[in-house]
């Protein structure tokens, strides 16, 4: 509903940033639903996404399972700490497959394994610059080489 409401922003609205892409719901549906539930999902989901506008840009912050598990541990959220490492690896594989085939909007695939947006301002600034300039197709972003002795 919220995405539908944002489909027609007012003239003075600069843009919308969200951390949600409706089509990626299918990833979780395929992994977590029973066959019966998935059948129902496959009938309902197309009706819900039919009128959603495509995004101007999608940014996939990609990381390996080990990195994600380390970040989950660092965040310390109780409900995340219960995640099975095999489930996290399955999600990583499914996300990679999904975004490898995603063509509905311009896409930035950002390898974040060696990036630290909270601790290294240059990582965040580089990402913001790439987001501001990417307008079509798929681009892959890896961390910039660092001078020796920097972290």
C-alpha atoms as a PDB file:
ATOM      1  CA  UNK A   1       0.000   0.000   0.000  1.00  0.00           C
ATOM      2  CA  UNK A   2       2.775   2.389   0.915  1.00  0.00           C
ATOM      3  CA  UNK A   3       4.530   1.825  -2.426  1.00  0.00           C
ATOM      4  CA  UNK A   4       1.292   2.525  -4.293  1.00  0.00           C
ATOM      5  CA  UNK A   5       0.843   5.792  -2.400  1.00  0.00           C
ATOM      6  CA  UNK A   6       4.381   6.855  -3.338  1.00  0.00           C
ATOM      7  CA  UNK A   7       3.757   6.157  -7.032  1.00  0.00           C
ATOM      8  CA  UNK A   8       2.654   9.767  -7.578  1.00  0.00           C
ATOM      9  CA  UNK A   9       4.872  12.018  -5.468  1.00  0.00           C
ATOM     10  CA  UNK A  10       4.207  15.733  -5.358  1.00  0.00           C
ATOM     11  CA  UNK A  11       6.156  18.145  -7.567  1.00  0.00           C
ATOM     12  CA  UNK A  12       8.486  19.232  -4.782  1.00  0.00           C
ATOM     13  CA  UNK A  13       9.483  15.734  -3.703  1.00  0.00           C
ATOM     14  CA  UNK A  14      13.113  14.988  -4.565  1.00  0.00           C
ATOM     15  CA  UNK A  15      12.869  11.215  -4.374  1.00  0.00           C
ATOM     16  CA  UNK A  16      12.012   8.197  -2.343  1.00  0.00           C
ATOM     17  CA  UNK A  17      14.477   5.825  -0.765  1.00  0.00           C
ATOM     18  CA  UNK A  18      13.231   2.547   0.609  1.00  0.00           C
ATOM     19  CA  UNK A  19      14.797  -0.675   1.746  1.00  0.00           C
ATOM     20  CA  UNK A  20      12.153  -2.850   0.170  1.00  0.00           C
ATOM     21  CA  UNK A  21      11.591  -4.317  -3.272  1.00  0.00           C
ATOM     22  CA  UNK A  22       8.288  -6.154  -3.593  1.00  0.00           C
ATOM     23  CA  UNK A  23       9.660  -8.683  -6.098  1.00  0.00           C
ATOM     24  CA  UNK A  24      12.206  -9.966  -3.579  1.00  0.00           C
ATOM     25  CA  UNK A  25       9.353 -11.288  -1.442  1.00  0.00           C
ATOM     26  CA  UNK A  26       9.334 -14.236  -3.804  1.00  0.00           C
ATOM     27  CA  UNK A  27      12.787 -15.200  -2.488  1.00  0.00           C
ATOM     28  CA  UNK A  28      11.431 -15.672   1.026  1.00  0.00           C
ATOM     29  CA  UNK A  29       8.248 -17.290  -0.252  1.00  0.00           C
ATOM     30  CA  UNK A  30      10.181 -19.944  -2.167  1.00  0.00           C
ATOM     31  CA  UNK A  31      12.443 -20.696   0.790  1.00  0.00           C
ATOM     32  CA  UNK A  32       9.944 -20.593   3.652  1.00  0.00           C
ATOM     33  CA  UNK A  33       6.458 -21.535   2.417  1.00  0.00           C
ATOM     34  CA  UNK A  34       4.986 -24.990   2.035  1.00  0.00           C
ATOM     35  CA  UNK A  35       3.878 -26.070  -1.450  1.00  0.00           C
ATOM     36  CA  UNK A  36       0.269 -25.230  -0.604  1.00  0.00           C
ATOM     37  CA  UNK A  37       1.168 -21.804   0.795  1.00  0.00           C
ATOM     38  CA  UNK A  38       3.442 -21.103  -2.177  1.00  0.00           C
ATOM     39  CA  UNK A  39       0.630 -21.937  -4.580  1.00  0.00           C
ATOM     40  CA  UNK A  40      -1.603 -19.400  -2.844  1.00  0.00           C
ATOM     41  CA  UNK A  41       1.218 -16.830  -2.765  1.00  0.00           C
ATOM     42  CA  UNK A  42       1.768 -17.284  -6.517  1.00  0.00           C
ATOM     43  CA  UNK A  43      -1.880 -16.445  -7.141  1.00  0.00           C
ATOM     44  CA  UNK A  44      -2.004 -13.400  -4.855  1.00  0.00           C
ATOM     45  CA  UNK A  45       1.411 -11.764  -5.361  1.00  0.00           C
ATOM     46  CA  UNK A  46       0.900 -10.785  -9.031  1.00  0.00           C
ATOM     47  CA  UNK A  47      -2.305  -8.975  -8.068  1.00  0.00           C
ATOM     48  CA  UNK A  48      -0.495  -7.004  -5.376  1.00  0.00           C
ATOM     49  CA  UNK A  49       2.461  -6.015  -7.541  1.00  0.00           C
ATOM     50  CA  UNK A  50       0.511  -5.245 -10.722  1.00  0.00           C
ATOM     51  CA  UNK A  51       0.208  -1.485 -10.147  1.00  0.00           C
ATOM     52  CA  UNK A  52       3.527  -0.826  -8.457  1.00  0.00           C
ATOM     53  CA  UNK A  53       5.818   1.570 -10.291  1.00  0.00           C
ATOM     54  CA  UNK A  54       9.294   0.267 -11.071  1.00  0.00           C
ATOM     55  CA  UNK A  55      12.062   1.837  -9.017  1.00  0.00           C
ATOM     56  CA  UNK A  56      14.407   4.355 -10.605  1.00  0.00           C
ATOM     57  CA  UNK A  57      17.365   2.427  -9.180  1.00  0.00           C
ATOM     58  CA  UNK A  58      17.917  -0.730  -7.137  1.00  0.00           C
ATOM     59  CA  UNK A  59      21.008  -1.122  -4.963  1.00  0.00           C
ATOM     60  CA  UNK A  60      21.887  -4.664  -3.872  1.00  0.00           C
ATOM     61  CA  UNK A  61      24.307  -4.605  -0.949  1.00  0.00           C
ATOM     62  CA  UNK A  62      25.872  -8.015  -1.445  1.00  0.00           C
ATOM     63  CA  UNK A  63      27.897  -9.887   1.178  1.00  0.00           C
ATOM     64  CA  UNK A  64      28.947 -13.448   1.845  1.00  0.00           C
ATOM     65  CA  UNK A  65      27.324 -15.586   4.538  1.00  0.00           C
ATOM     66  CA  UNK A  66      30.339 -15.332   6.880  1.00  0.00           C
ATOM     67  CA  UNK A  67      30.311 -11.537   6.682  1.00  0.00           C
ATOM     68  CA  UNK A  68      26.555 -11.388   7.248  1.00  0.00           C
ATOM     69  CA  UNK A  69      26.782 -13.690  10.276  1.00  0.00           C
ATOM     70  CA  UNK A  70      29.562 -11.511  11.729  1.00  0.00           C
ATOM     71  CA  UNK A  71      27.444  -8.378  11.186  1.00  0.00           C
ATOM     72  CA  UNK A  72      24.424 -10.058  12.775  1.00  0.00           C
ATOM     73  CA  UNK A  73      26.531 -10.901  15.811  1.00  0.00           C
ATOM     74  CA  UNK A  74      27.872  -7.320  16.018  1.00  0.00           C
ATOM     75  CA  UNK A  75      24.340  -5.842  15.895  1.00  0.00           C
ATOM     76  CA  UNK A  76      23.311  -8.041  18.799  1.00  0.00           C
ATOM     77  CA  UNK A  77      19.621  -8.280  17.913  1.00  0.00           C
ATOM     78  CA  UNK A  78      18.185 -11.250  19.772  1.00  0.00           C
ATOM     79  CA  UNK A  79      15.870 -12.407  16.978  1.00  0.00           C
ATOM     80  CA  UNK A  80      18.712 -12.328  14.436  1.00  0.00           C
ATOM     81  CA  UNK A  81      21.140 -14.323  16.554  1.00  0.00           C
ATOM     82  CA  UNK A  82      18.846 -17.332  16.263  1.00  0.00           C
ATOM     83  CA  UNK A  83      19.316 -17.505  12.479  1.00  0.00           C
ATOM     84  CA  UNK A  84      20.746 -20.785  11.251  1.00  0.00           C
ATOM     85  CA  UNK A  85      23.981 -20.251   9.272  1.00  0.00           C
ATOM     86  CA  UNK A  86      22.651 -22.653   6.608  1.00  0.00           C
ATOM     87  CA  UNK A  87      19.546 -20.462   6.234  1.00  0.00           C
ATOM     88  CA  UNK A  88      21.735 -17.361   5.827  1.00  0.00           C
ATOM     89  CA  UNK A  89      23.799 -19.154   3.157  1.00  0.00           C
ATOM     90  CA  UNK A  90      20.583 -20.176   1.365  1.00  0.00           C
ATOM     91  CA  UNK A  91      19.369 -16.567   1.425  1.00  0.00           C
ATOM     92  CA  UNK A  92      22.682 -15.302   0.026  1.00  0.00           C
ATOM     93  CA  UNK A  93      22.509 -17.809  -2.815  1.00  0.00           C
ATOM     94  CA  UNK A  94      18.871 -16.942  -3.550  1.00  0.00           C
ATOM     95  CA  UNK A  95      19.519 -13.184  -3.473  1.00  0.00           C
ATOM     96  CA  UNK A  96      22.514 -13.556  -5.780  1.00  0.00           C
ATOM     97  CA  UNK A  97      20.449 -15.611  -8.215  1.00  0.00           C
ATOM     98  CA  UNK A  98      17.568 -13.106  -8.081  1.00  0.00           C
ATOM     99  CA  UNK A  99      19.734 -10.054  -8.704  1.00  0.00           C
ATOM    100  CA  UNK A 100      21.809 -11.818 -11.360  1.00  0.00           C
ATOM    101  CA  UNK A 101      18.573 -12.053 -13.367  1.00  0.00           C
ATOM    102  CA  UNK A 102      16.975  -8.758 -12.283  1.00  0.00           C
ATOM    103  CA  UNK A 103      16.379  -6.368 -15.193  1.00  0.00           C
ATOM    104  CA  UNK A 104      13.270  -4.360 -14.205  1.00  0.00           C
ATOM    105  CA  UNK A 105      15.279  -1.270 -13.227  1.00  0.00           C
ATOM    106  CA  UNK A 106      18.858   0.022 -13.226  1.00  0.00           C
ATOM    107  CA  UNK A 107      20.847  -2.054 -10.737  1.00  0.00           C
ATOM    108  CA  UNK A 108      23.979  -1.476  -8.670  1.00  0.00           C
ATOM    109  CA  UNK A 109      25.424  -4.650  -7.170  1.00  0.00           C
ATOM    110  CA  UNK A 110      27.747  -3.559  -4.371  1.00  0.00           C
ATOM    111  CA  UNK A 111      30.196  -6.064  -2.909  1.00  0.00           C
ATOM    112  CA  UNK A 112      30.208  -4.983   0.743  1.00  0.00           C
ATOM    113  CA  UNK A 113      32.425  -7.754   2.129  1.00  0.00           C
ATOM    114  CA  UNK A 114      35.304  -5.305   2.680  1.00  0.00           C
ATOM    115  CA  UNK A 115      33.237  -2.136   3.106  1.00  0.00           C
ATOM    116  CA  UNK A 116      32.300  -0.450   6.352  1.00  0.00           C
ATOM    117  CA  UNK A 117      29.744   2.311   5.809  1.00  0.00           C
ATOM    118  CA  UNK A 118      29.567   3.165   9.513  1.00  0.00           C
ATOM    119  CA  UNK A 119      33.318   3.155  10.168  1.00  0.00           C
ATOM    120  CA  UNK A 120      34.832   4.462   6.916  1.00  0.00           C
ATOM    121  CA  UNK A 121      33.267   7.599   5.562  1.00  0.00           C
ATOM    122  CA  UNK A 122      34.941   7.145   2.162  1.00  0.00           C
ATOM    123  CA  UNK A 123      33.067   3.847   1.648  1.00  0.00           C
ATOM    124  CA  UNK A 124      29.751   5.607   2.207  1.00  0.00           C
ATOM    125  CA  UNK A 125      30.711   8.617   0.065  1.00  0.00           C
ATOM    126  CA  UNK A 126      31.789   6.329  -2.789  1.00  0.00           C
ATOM    127  CA  UNK A 127      28.475   4.485  -2.641  1.00  0.00           C
ATOM    128  CA  UNK A 128      26.478   7.732  -2.589  1.00  0.00           C
ATOM    129  CA  UNK A 129      28.430   8.970  -5.636  1.00  0.00           C
ATOM    130  CA  UNK A 130      27.724   5.745  -7.516  1.00  0.00           C
ATOM    131  CA  UNK A 131      24.019   5.924  -6.644  1.00  0.00           C
ATOM    132  CA  UNK A 132      23.845   9.536  -7.831  1.00  0.00           C
ATOM    133  CA  UNK A 133      25.370   8.736 -11.218  1.00  0.00           C
ATOM    134  CA  UNK A 134      24.029   5.288 -12.154  1.00  0.00           C
ATOM    135  CA  UNK A 135      21.058   5.548 -14.496  1.00  0.00           C
ATOM    136  CA  UNK A 136      20.822   2.401 -16.643  1.00  0.00           C
ATOM    137  CA  UNK A 137      21.832  -1.221 -16.877  1.00  0.00           C
ATOM    138  CA  UNK A 138      23.751  -3.187 -14.297  1.00  0.00           C
ATOM    139  CA  UNK A 139      26.960  -2.042 -12.633  1.00  0.00           C
ATOM    140  CA  UNK A 140      29.114  -3.906 -10.156  1.00  0.00           C
ATOM    141  CA  UNK A 141      30.843  -1.999  -7.380  1.00  0.00           C
ATOM    142  CA  UNK A 142      33.778  -3.324  -5.391  1.00  0.00           C
ATOM    143  CA  UNK A 143      35.641  -1.523  -2.653  1.00  0.00           C
ATOM    144  CA  UNK A 144      38.346   0.852  -3.816  1.00  0.00           C
ATOM    145  CA  UNK A 145      41.883  -0.269  -3.028  1.00  0.00           C
ATOM    146  CA  UNK A 146      43.151   1.183   0.216  1.00  0.00           C
ATOM    147  CA  UNK A 147      46.576   2.477   1.021  1.00  0.00           C
ATOM    148  CA  UNK A 148      48.683   0.087   3.087  1.00  0.00           C
ATOM    149  CA  UNK A 149      48.074   0.431   6.797  1.00  0.00           C
ATOM    150  CA  UNK A 150      44.477   1.750   6.479  1.00  0.00           C
ATOM    151  CA  UNK A 151      41.384  -0.145   7.537  1.00  0.00           C
END
